Amino acid sequence: MRIKANGIEIHCELTGKLDAPVVVLSHSLASSMVMWEPQLKVLEPDFRVLRYDMRGHGSSEVVKGAYTLEVLGNDVIGLLDALDIGSVHFMGLSIGGMIGQGLALDHADRLQSVILCDTAPLLPEEAKPLFAERITQARKHGMTSLAEGTLARWFTPSFLEKDPPVVNQIHKQILATPVEGFIGCSHAILGLNYLDRLAEIGLDTLVIVGEDDPGTPVTAAEAIHGEIRNSELVILPSAAHLCNIEQAENFNRAISDFLQL
């Protein structure tokens, strides 16, 4: 369904157990709600699951210009308000995890807990030229020019060599991402700077990271864990950025333990 929230049309899907606590799932840059399919089997029996395509991605409205993490967080709050949902468990990966940090800091009353996956609290100075370069590349040559490099960061070489169907599915999601949405969200990531505030978060927090994630590495997850007092850290071996897909069984076990399923 498409819901008007925070001034835009947001594509979302609400599934799972009726009248149960709600878990919101927020995807990575250049993906869509599709990337959370491996988690549905463990969440839907006990939770109402709200997946959505973030601004400029999937089937949600594309808005030209630079986005901010605050705007992306307000999209979530607007979606919850439109659906008459009070507080939720929130799980986000990559930029989704950055949105989760912002919500935990500025809208803690709307969260019961937060799961931050393969994300970072701060964008290092040396990473900023990389994002600027990707923005330029996307604008000049489209998402096709970024697809192979993105897959190489998102999955380990051994997983890519197996060529499972899910890799092709994610590849299609990258190619289908609107260029303006990719650029808008990339600008939001360029503004990431939550590290000095993370100690304010009092929510129960689970931090998950793939051991081989090159973009948001274990050190970034450890930095988040070190600042949030009510946090747990899980490092998944043999996984890169999309550890929820590459190590779906172990990932699902970790979130099940956290959510006490």
C-alpha atoms as a PDB file:
ATOM      1  CA  MET A   1       0.000   0.000   0.000  1.00  0.00           C
ATOM      2  CA  ARG A   2       0.993   3.628  -0.471  1.00  0.00           C
ATOM      3  CA  ILE A   3       0.591   5.983   2.488  1.00  0.00           C
ATOM      4  CA  LYS A   4       0.870   9.770   2.477  1.00  0.00           C
ATOM      5  CA  ALA A   5       3.360  10.649   5.224  1.00  0.00           C
ATOM      6  CA  ASN A   6       5.691  13.594   5.837  1.00  0.00           C
ATOM      7  CA  GLY A   7       4.609  15.130   2.547  1.00  0.00           C
ATOM      8  CA  ILE A   8       5.366  12.153   0.277  1.00  0.00           C
ATOM      9  CA  GLU A   9       3.850   8.846  -0.827  1.00  0.00           C
ATOM     10  CA  ILE A  10       5.546   5.935   0.980  1.00  0.00           C
ATOM     11  CA  HIS A  11       5.155   2.368  -0.219  1.00  0.00           C
ATOM     12  CA  CYS A  12       4.829  -0.040   2.680  1.00  0.00           C
ATOM     13  CA  GLU A  13       3.576  -3.486   3.634  1.00  0.00           C
ATOM     14  CA  LEU A  14       2.033  -4.534   6.955  1.00  0.00           C
ATOM     15  CA  THR A  15       1.999  -8.279   7.567  1.00  0.00           C
ATOM     16  CA  GLY A  16       2.189 -10.805  10.378  1.00  0.00           C
ATOM     17  CA  LYS A  17       0.171 -11.341  13.543  1.00  0.00           C
ATOM     18  CA  LEU A  18      -2.781  -9.059  14.126  1.00  0.00           C
ATOM     19  CA  ASP A  19      -2.867  -7.021  17.335  1.00  0.00           C
ATOM     20  CA  ALA A  20       0.770  -7.881  18.074  1.00  0.00           C
ATOM     21  CA  PRO A  21       3.725  -5.567  18.790  1.00  0.00           C
ATOM     22  CA  VAL A  22       5.030  -3.891  15.629  1.00  0.00           C
ATOM     23  CA  VAL A  23       8.535  -4.306  14.201  1.00  0.00           C
ATOM     24  CA  VAL A  24       9.586  -1.749  11.586  1.00  0.00           C
ATOM     25  CA  LEU A  25      12.234  -2.809   9.056  1.00  0.00           C
ATOM     26  CA  SER A  26      14.356  -0.159   7.313  1.00  0.00           C
ATOM     27  CA  HIS A  27      16.551  -1.217   4.384  1.00  0.00           C
ATOM     28  CA  SER A  28      19.955  -0.235   3.034  1.00  0.00           C
ATOM     29  CA  LEU A  29      20.900   2.345   0.439  1.00  0.00           C
ATOM     30  CA  ALA A  30      20.128   1.188  -3.143  1.00  0.00           C
ATOM     31  CA  SER A  31      17.764  -1.547  -2.011  1.00  0.00           C
ATOM     32  CA  SER A  32      14.123  -1.840  -0.951  1.00  0.00           C
ATOM     33  CA  MET A  33      11.905  -3.672   1.521  1.00  0.00           C
ATOM     34  CA  VAL A  34      12.647  -6.848  -0.492  1.00  0.00           C
ATOM     35  CA  MET A  35      15.971  -7.295   1.329  1.00  0.00           C
ATOM     36  CA  TRP A  36      14.124  -8.211   4.544  1.00  0.00           C
ATOM     37  CA  GLU A  37      12.346 -11.266   3.145  1.00  0.00           C
ATOM     38  CA  PRO A  38      14.663 -13.743   4.986  1.00  0.00           C
ATOM     39  CA  GLN A  39      13.489 -12.288   8.309  1.00  0.00           C
ATOM     40  CA  LEU A  40       9.747 -12.564   7.745  1.00  0.00           C
ATOM     41  CA  LYS A  41       9.517 -16.227   8.683  1.00  0.00           C
ATOM     42  CA  VAL A  42      10.771 -15.567  12.219  1.00  0.00           C
ATOM     43  CA  LEU A  43       9.017 -12.242  12.798  1.00  0.00           C
ATOM     44  CA  GLU A  44       5.540 -12.668  11.325  1.00  0.00           C
ATOM     45  CA  PRO A  45       4.325 -15.418  13.701  1.00  0.00           C
ATOM     46  CA  ASP A  46       4.763 -13.134  16.743  1.00  0.00           C
ATOM     47  CA  PHE A  47       4.821  -9.563  15.427  1.00  0.00           C
ATOM     48  CA  ARG A  48       3.069  -7.168  13.115  1.00  0.00           C
ATOM     49  CA  VAL A  49       5.815  -6.421  10.594  1.00  0.00           C
ATOM     50  CA  LEU A  50       5.967  -3.037   8.862  1.00  0.00           C
ATOM     51  CA  ARG A  51       8.330  -2.913   5.909  1.00  0.00           C
ATOM     52  CA  TYR A  52       8.642   0.242   3.829  1.00  0.00           C
ATOM     53  CA  ASP A  53      10.608   1.624   0.895  1.00  0.00           C
ATOM     54  CA  MET A  54      12.459   4.682   2.059  1.00  0.00           C
ATOM     55  CA  ARG A  55      12.168   7.998   0.272  1.00  0.00           C
ATOM     56  CA  GLY A  56      13.519   7.738  -3.288  1.00  0.00           C
ATOM     57  CA  HIS A  57      13.700   3.942  -3.236  1.00  0.00           C
ATOM     58  CA  GLY A  58      11.555   1.043  -4.373  1.00  0.00           C
ATOM     59  CA  SER A  59       7.996   2.192  -5.056  1.00  0.00           C
ATOM     60  CA  SER A  60       8.085   5.205  -2.727  1.00  0.00           C
ATOM     61  CA  GLU A  61       8.012   8.730  -4.067  1.00  0.00           C
ATOM     62  CA  VAL A  62      11.227  10.158  -5.467  1.00  0.00           C
ATOM     63  CA  VAL A  63      12.054  13.664  -4.308  1.00  0.00           C
ATOM     64  CA  LYS A  64      14.909  15.518  -5.977  1.00  0.00           C
ATOM     65  CA  GLY A  65      17.615  17.135  -3.873  1.00  0.00           C
ATOM     66  CA  ALA A  66      19.677  16.246  -0.826  1.00  0.00           C
ATOM     67  CA  TYR A  67      17.933  14.373   1.988  1.00  0.00           C
ATOM     68  CA  THR A  68      18.941  14.383   5.647  1.00  0.00           C
ATOM     69  CA  LEU A  69      18.774  11.640   8.245  1.00  0.00           C
ATOM     70  CA  GLU A  70      16.317  13.819  10.158  1.00  0.00           C
ATOM     71  CA  VAL A  71      13.966  13.906   7.156  1.00  0.00           C
ATOM     72  CA  LEU A  72      14.284  10.146   6.676  1.00  0.00           C
ATOM     73  CA  GLY A  73      13.493   9.630  10.354  1.00  0.00           C
ATOM     74  CA  ASN A  74      10.484  11.929  10.100  1.00  0.00           C
ATOM     75  CA  ASP A  75       9.253   9.790   7.206  1.00  0.00           C
ATOM     76  CA  VAL A  76       9.113   6.861   9.636  1.00  0.00           C
ATOM     77  CA  ILE A  77       7.297   8.858  12.314  1.00  0.00           C
ATOM     78  CA  GLY A  78       4.866  10.177   9.717  1.00  0.00           C
ATOM     79  CA  LEU A  79       4.212   6.636   8.505  1.00  0.00           C
ATOM     80  CA  LEU A  80       3.533   5.425  12.049  1.00  0.00           C
ATOM     81  CA  ASP A  81       1.185   8.343  12.656  1.00  0.00           C
ATOM     82  CA  ALA A  82      -0.684   7.711   9.407  1.00  0.00           C
ATOM     83  CA  LEU A  83      -1.135   4.041  10.335  1.00  0.00           C
ATOM     84  CA  ASP A  84      -2.114   4.930  13.922  1.00  0.00           C
ATOM     85  CA  ILE A  85       0.810   2.956  15.362  1.00  0.00           C
ATOM     86  CA  GLY A  86       2.252   4.107  18.682  1.00  0.00           C
ATOM     87  CA  SER A  87       5.610   2.625  19.695  1.00  0.00           C
ATOM     88  CA  VAL A  88       7.547  -0.030  17.779  1.00  0.00           C
ATOM     89  CA  HIS A  89      10.635  -2.167  17.713  1.00  0.00           C
ATOM     90  CA  PHE A  90      12.857  -0.730  14.962  1.00  0.00           C
ATOM     91  CA  MET A  91      15.424  -2.652  12.911  1.00  0.00           C
ATOM     92  CA  GLY A  92      17.565  -0.922  10.307  1.00  0.00           C
ATOM     93  CA  LEU A  93      20.569  -1.932   8.234  1.00  0.00           C
ATOM     94  CA  SER A  94      23.196   0.434   6.833  1.00  0.00           C
ATOM     95  CA  ILE A  95      21.412   3.776   6.265  1.00  0.00           C
ATOM     96  CA  GLY A  96      18.428   2.097   7.928  1.00  0.00           C
ATOM     97  CA  GLY A  97      20.579   1.730  11.038  1.00  0.00           C
ATOM     98  CA  MET A  98      21.564   5.388  10.792  1.00  0.00           C
ATOM     99  CA  ILE A  99      17.872   6.276  10.718  1.00  0.00           C
ATOM    100  CA  GLY A 100      17.432   4.010  13.750  1.00  0.00           C
ATOM    101  CA  GLN A 101      20.077   5.907  15.695  1.00  0.00           C
ATOM    102  CA  GLY A 102      18.374   9.197  14.897  1.00  0.00           C
ATOM    103  CA  LEU A 103      14.995   7.858  15.996  1.00  0.00           C
ATOM    104  CA  ALA A 104      16.452   6.454  19.226  1.00  0.00           C
ATOM    105  CA  LEU A 105      17.925   9.874  19.989  1.00  0.00           C
ATOM    106  CA  ASP A 106      15.088  12.178  18.921  1.00  0.00           C
ATOM    107  CA  HIS A 107      11.959  10.006  19.087  1.00  0.00           C
ATOM    108  CA  ALA A 108      12.746   7.515  21.865  1.00  0.00           C
ATOM    109  CA  ASP A 109       9.132   7.611  23.015  1.00  0.00           C
ATOM    110  CA  ARG A 110       8.119   5.893  19.756  1.00  0.00           C
ATOM    111  CA  LEU A 111      10.567   2.992  20.145  1.00  0.00           C
ATOM    112  CA  GLN A 112      10.465  -0.041  22.423  1.00  0.00           C
ATOM    113  CA  SER A 113      13.870  -1.265  21.273  1.00  0.00           C
ATOM    114  CA  VAL A 114      16.253  -0.791  18.364  1.00  0.00           C
ATOM    115  CA  ILE A 115      18.344  -3.200  16.285  1.00  0.00           C
ATOM    116  CA  LEU A 116      21.231  -1.538  14.435  1.00  0.00           C
ATOM    117  CA  CYS A 117      22.760  -3.685  11.697  1.00  0.00           C
ATOM    118  CA  ASP A 118      25.938  -3.097   9.669  1.00  0.00           C
ATOM    119  CA  THR A 119      25.858   0.611  10.275  1.00  0.00           C
ATOM    120  CA  ALA A 120      28.056   3.393  11.642  1.00  0.00           C
ATOM    121  CA  PRO A 121      27.668   6.330  14.030  1.00  0.00           C
ATOM    122  CA  LEU A 122      29.977   8.662  12.134  1.00  0.00           C
ATOM    123  CA  LEU A 123      31.186   8.959   8.536  1.00  0.00           C
ATOM    124  CA  PRO A 124      35.004   9.086   8.563  1.00  0.00           C
ATOM    125  CA  GLU A 125      36.569  11.949   6.631  1.00  0.00           C
ATOM    126  CA  GLU A 126      38.333   9.494   4.325  1.00  0.00           C
ATOM    127  CA  ALA A 127      34.984   7.986   3.312  1.00  0.00           C
ATOM    128  CA  LYS A 128      33.400  11.256   2.206  1.00  0.00           C
ATOM    129  CA  PRO A 129      35.219  11.432  -1.165  1.00  0.00           C
ATOM    130  CA  LEU A 130      34.023   7.886  -1.908  1.00  0.00           C
ATOM    131  CA  PHE A 131      30.393   8.899  -1.481  1.00  0.00           C
ATOM    132  CA  ALA A 132      30.940  12.076  -3.481  1.00  0.00           C
ATOM    133  CA  GLU A 133      32.429   9.957  -6.260  1.00  0.00           C
ATOM    134  CA  ARG A 134      29.488   7.538  -6.224  1.00  0.00           C
ATOM    135  CA  ILE A 135      27.057  10.447  -6.418  1.00  0.00           C
ATOM    136  CA  THR A 136      28.875  11.758  -9.494  1.00  0.00           C
ATOM    137  CA  GLN A 137      29.037   8.288 -11.035  1.00  0.00           C
ATOM    138  CA  ALA A 138      25.333   7.679 -10.513  1.00  0.00           C
ATOM    139  CA  ARG A 139      24.417  11.047 -11.985  1.00  0.00           C
ATOM    140  CA  LYS A 140      26.603  10.553 -15.076  1.00  0.00           C
ATOM    141  CA  HIS A 141      26.256   6.831 -15.744  1.00  0.00           C
ATOM    142  CA  GLY A 142      23.257   5.560 -13.779  1.00  0.00           C
ATOM    143  CA  MET A 143      22.985   2.768 -11.232  1.00  0.00           C
ATOM    144  CA  THR A 144      24.374   0.149 -13.633  1.00  0.00           C
ATOM    145  CA  SER A 145      27.822   1.672 -13.138  1.00  0.00           C
ATOM    146  CA  LEU A 146      27.624   1.071  -9.375  1.00  0.00           C
ATOM    147  CA  ALA A 147      26.025  -2.365  -9.269  1.00  0.00           C
ATOM    148  CA  GLU A 148      29.036  -4.687  -9.430  1.00  0.00           C
ATOM    149  CA  GLY A 149      31.057  -2.707  -6.908  1.00  0.00           C
ATOM    150  CA  THR A 150      28.091  -2.593  -4.569  1.00  0.00           C
ATOM    151  CA  LEU A 151      27.583  -6.360  -4.697  1.00  0.00           C
ATOM    152  CA  ALA A 152      31.295  -6.848  -3.976  1.00  0.00           C
ATOM    153  CA  ARG A 153      30.923  -4.794  -0.785  1.00  0.00           C
ATOM    154  CA  TRP A 154      27.636  -6.355   0.254  1.00  0.00           C
ATOM    155  CA  PHE A 155      28.595 -10.037   0.000  1.00  0.00           C
ATOM    156  CA  THR A 156      31.769 -12.050   0.598  1.00  0.00           C
ATOM    157  CA  PRO A 157      33.550 -13.485  -2.469  1.00  0.00           C
ATOM    158  CA  SER A 158      32.679 -17.045  -1.436  1.00  0.00           C
ATOM    159  CA  PHE A 159      28.965 -16.182  -1.258  1.00  0.00           C
ATOM    160  CA  LEU A 160      29.053 -14.468  -4.656  1.00  0.00           C
ATOM    161  CA  GLU A 161      30.823 -17.471  -6.174  1.00  0.00           C
ATOM    162  CA  LYS A 162      27.888 -19.679  -5.168  1.00  0.00           C
ATOM    163  CA  ASP A 163      25.645 -17.300  -7.141  1.00  0.00           C
ATOM    164  CA  PRO A 164      22.497 -17.930  -5.089  1.00  0.00           C
ATOM    165  CA  PRO A 165      19.223 -16.552  -6.520  1.00  0.00           C
ATOM    166  CA  VAL A 166      19.108 -13.880  -3.818  1.00  0.00           C
ATOM    167  CA  VAL A 167      22.193 -12.171  -5.304  1.00  0.00           C
ATOM    168  CA  ASN A 168      20.360 -11.674  -8.595  1.00  0.00           C
ATOM    169  CA  GLN A 169      17.359 -10.377  -6.672  1.00  0.00           C
ATOM    170  CA  ILE A 170      19.478  -7.796  -4.849  1.00  0.00           C
ATOM    171  CA  HIS A 171      21.261  -6.911  -8.104  1.00  0.00           C
ATOM    172  CA  LYS A 172      17.877  -6.069  -9.632  1.00  0.00           C
ATOM    173  CA  GLN A 173      17.045  -3.896  -6.621  1.00  0.00           C
ATOM    174  CA  ILE A 174      20.235  -1.886  -7.105  1.00  0.00           C
ATOM    175  CA  LEU A 175      19.529  -1.365 -10.803  1.00  0.00           C
ATOM    176  CA  ALA A 176      15.922  -0.374 -10.070  1.00  0.00           C
ATOM    177  CA  THR A 177      16.887   2.281  -7.516  1.00  0.00           C
ATOM    178  CA  PRO A 178      16.041   5.758  -8.852  1.00  0.00           C
ATOM    179  CA  VAL A 179      19.211   7.796  -9.321  1.00  0.00           C
ATOM    180  CA  GLU A 180      17.720  10.825  -7.535  1.00  0.00           C
ATOM    181  CA  GLY A 181      16.780   8.645  -4.566  1.00  0.00           C
ATOM    182  CA  PHE A 182      20.269   7.193  -4.372  1.00  0.00           C
ATOM    183  CA  ILE A 183      21.810  10.661  -4.543  1.00  0.00           C
ATOM    184  CA  GLY A 184      19.398  12.104  -1.984  1.00  0.00           C
ATOM    185  CA  CYS A 185      20.109   9.340   0.543  1.00  0.00           C
ATOM    186  CA  SER A 186      23.849   9.485  -0.140  1.00  0.00           C
ATOM    187  CA  HIS A 187      23.787  13.136   0.922  1.00  0.00           C
ATOM    188  CA  ALA A 188      22.014  12.069   4.125  1.00  0.00           C
ATOM    189  CA  ILE A 189      24.841   9.620   4.853  1.00  0.00           C
ATOM    190  CA  LEU A 190      27.398  12.389   4.249  1.00  0.00           C
ATOM    191  CA  GLY A 191      25.822  14.206   7.208  1.00  0.00           C
ATOM    192  CA  LEU A 192      26.083  11.234   9.598  1.00  0.00           C
ATOM    193  CA  ASN A 193      27.462  12.364  12.972  1.00  0.00           C
ATOM    194  CA  TYR A 194      25.817  10.657  15.959  1.00  0.00           C
ATOM    195  CA  LEU A 195      28.831   9.291  17.826  1.00  0.00           C
ATOM    196  CA  ASP A 196      28.996  12.032  20.460  1.00  0.00           C
ATOM    197  CA  ARG A 197      25.289  11.623  21.281  1.00  0.00           C
ATOM    198  CA  LEU A 198      24.924   7.838  21.426  1.00  0.00           C
ATOM    199  CA  ALA A 199      25.380   7.724  25.201  1.00  0.00           C
ATOM    200  CA  GLU A 200      21.977   9.460  25.449  1.00  0.00           C
ATOM    201  CA  ILE A 201      20.247   6.328  24.140  1.00  0.00           C
ATOM    202  CA  GLY A 202      18.636   4.359  26.960  1.00  0.00           C
ATOM    203  CA  LEU A 203      16.694   1.853  24.870  1.00  0.00           C
ATOM    204  CA  ASP A 204      17.511  -1.836  24.746  1.00  0.00           C
ATOM    205  CA  THR A 205      19.724  -2.079  21.673  1.00  0.00           C
ATOM    206  CA  LEU A 206      21.119  -4.923  19.602  1.00  0.00           C
ATOM    207  CA  VAL A 207      24.088  -4.176  17.343  1.00  0.00           C
ATOM    208  CA  ILE A 208      24.780  -6.729  14.600  1.00  0.00           C
ATOM    209  CA  VAL A 209      27.613  -6.676  12.061  1.00  0.00           C
ATOM    210  CA  GLY A 210      29.115  -9.009   9.491  1.00  0.00           C
ATOM    211  CA  GLU A 211      32.705  -9.815  10.384  1.00  0.00           C
ATOM    212  CA  ASP A 212      33.828  -9.085   6.802  1.00  0.00           C
ATOM    213  CA  ASP A 213      31.831  -5.892   6.219  1.00  0.00           C
ATOM    214  CA  PRO A 214      34.220  -3.454   4.488  1.00  0.00           C
ATOM    215  CA  GLY A 215      31.944  -0.395   4.500  1.00  0.00           C
ATOM    216  CA  THR A 216      30.596  -0.349   8.056  1.00  0.00           C
ATOM    217  CA  PRO A 217      33.175  -2.597   9.726  1.00  0.00           C
ATOM    218  CA  VAL A 218      33.265  -4.294  13.112  1.00  0.00           C
ATOM    219  CA  THR A 219      35.065  -1.274  14.563  1.00  0.00           C
ATOM    220  CA  ALA A 220      32.046   0.911  13.756  1.00  0.00           C
ATOM    221  CA  ALA A 221      29.698  -1.568  15.460  1.00  0.00           C
ATOM    222  CA  GLU A 222      32.018  -1.702  18.469  1.00  0.00           C
ATOM    223  CA  ALA A 223      31.954   2.106  18.668  1.00  0.00           C
ATOM    224  CA  ILE A 224      28.140   2.058  18.814  1.00  0.00           C
ATOM    225  CA  HIS A 225      28.112  -0.760  21.366  1.00  0.00           C
ATOM    226  CA  GLY A 226      30.656   1.054  23.501  1.00  0.00           C
ATOM    227  CA  GLU A 227      28.500   4.171  23.766  1.00  0.00           C
ATOM    228  CA  ILE A 228      25.023   2.654  24.305  1.00  0.00           C
ATOM    229  CA  ARG A 229      24.870   1.236  27.811  1.00  0.00           C
ATOM    230  CA  ASN A 230      21.903  -1.107  27.239  1.00  0.00           C
ATOM    231  CA  SER A 231      23.369  -2.707  24.124  1.00  0.00           C
ATOM    232  CA  GLU A 232      24.445  -6.143  22.973  1.00  0.00           C
ATOM    233  CA  LEU A 233      26.908  -6.799  20.151  1.00  0.00           C
ATOM    234  CA  VAL A 234      26.742  -9.765  17.767  1.00  0.00           C
ATOM    235  CA  ILE A 235      29.452 -10.305  15.149  1.00  0.00           C
ATOM    236  CA  LEU A 236      28.493 -12.768  12.415  1.00  0.00           C
ATOM    237  CA  PRO A 237      31.402 -14.669  10.794  1.00  0.00           C
ATOM    238  CA  SER A 238      31.493 -15.220   7.028  1.00  0.00           C
ATOM    239  CA  ALA A 239      29.296 -12.241   6.259  1.00  0.00           C
ATOM    240  CA  ALA A 240      29.785  -8.836   4.692  1.00  0.00           C
ATOM    241  CA  HIS A 241      27.352  -5.894   4.578  1.00  0.00           C
ATOM    242  CA  LEU A 242      24.035  -7.683   4.032  1.00  0.00           C
ATOM    243  CA  CYS A 243      24.590 -10.139   6.844  1.00  0.00           C
ATOM    244  CA  ASN A 244      20.824 -10.572   7.222  1.00  0.00           C
ATOM    245  CA  ILE A 245      20.914 -12.370   3.860  1.00  0.00           C
ATOM    246  CA  GLU A 246      24.344 -14.010   3.804  1.00  0.00           C
ATOM    247  CA  GLN A 247      23.976 -15.430   7.315  1.00  0.00           C
ATOM    248  CA  ALA A 248      20.196 -15.373   7.544  1.00  0.00           C
ATOM    249  CA  GLU A 249      19.898 -18.275   9.990  1.00  0.00           C
ATOM    250  CA  ASN A 250      22.408 -16.853  12.475  1.00  0.00           C
ATOM    251  CA  PHE A 251      21.028 -13.342  11.999  1.00  0.00           C
ATOM    252  CA  ASN A 252      17.498 -14.575  12.677  1.00  0.00           C
ATOM    253  CA  ARG A 253      18.660 -16.409  15.780  1.00  0.00           C
ATOM    254  CA  ALA A 254      20.259 -13.207  17.094  1.00  0.00           C
ATOM    255  CA  ILE A 255      17.159 -11.063  16.597  1.00  0.00           C
ATOM    256  CA  SER A 256      14.923 -13.828  17.981  1.00  0.00           C
ATOM    257  CA  ASP A 257      17.008 -14.012  21.143  1.00  0.00           C
ATOM    258  CA  PHE A 258      16.939 -10.232  21.486  1.00  0.00           C
ATOM    259  CA  LEU A 259      13.203  -9.958  20.916  1.00  0.00           C
ATOM    260  CA  GLN A 260      12.685 -13.099  23.056  1.00  0.00           C
ATOM    261  CA  LEU A 261      10.716 -15.007  20.464  1.00  0.00           C
END
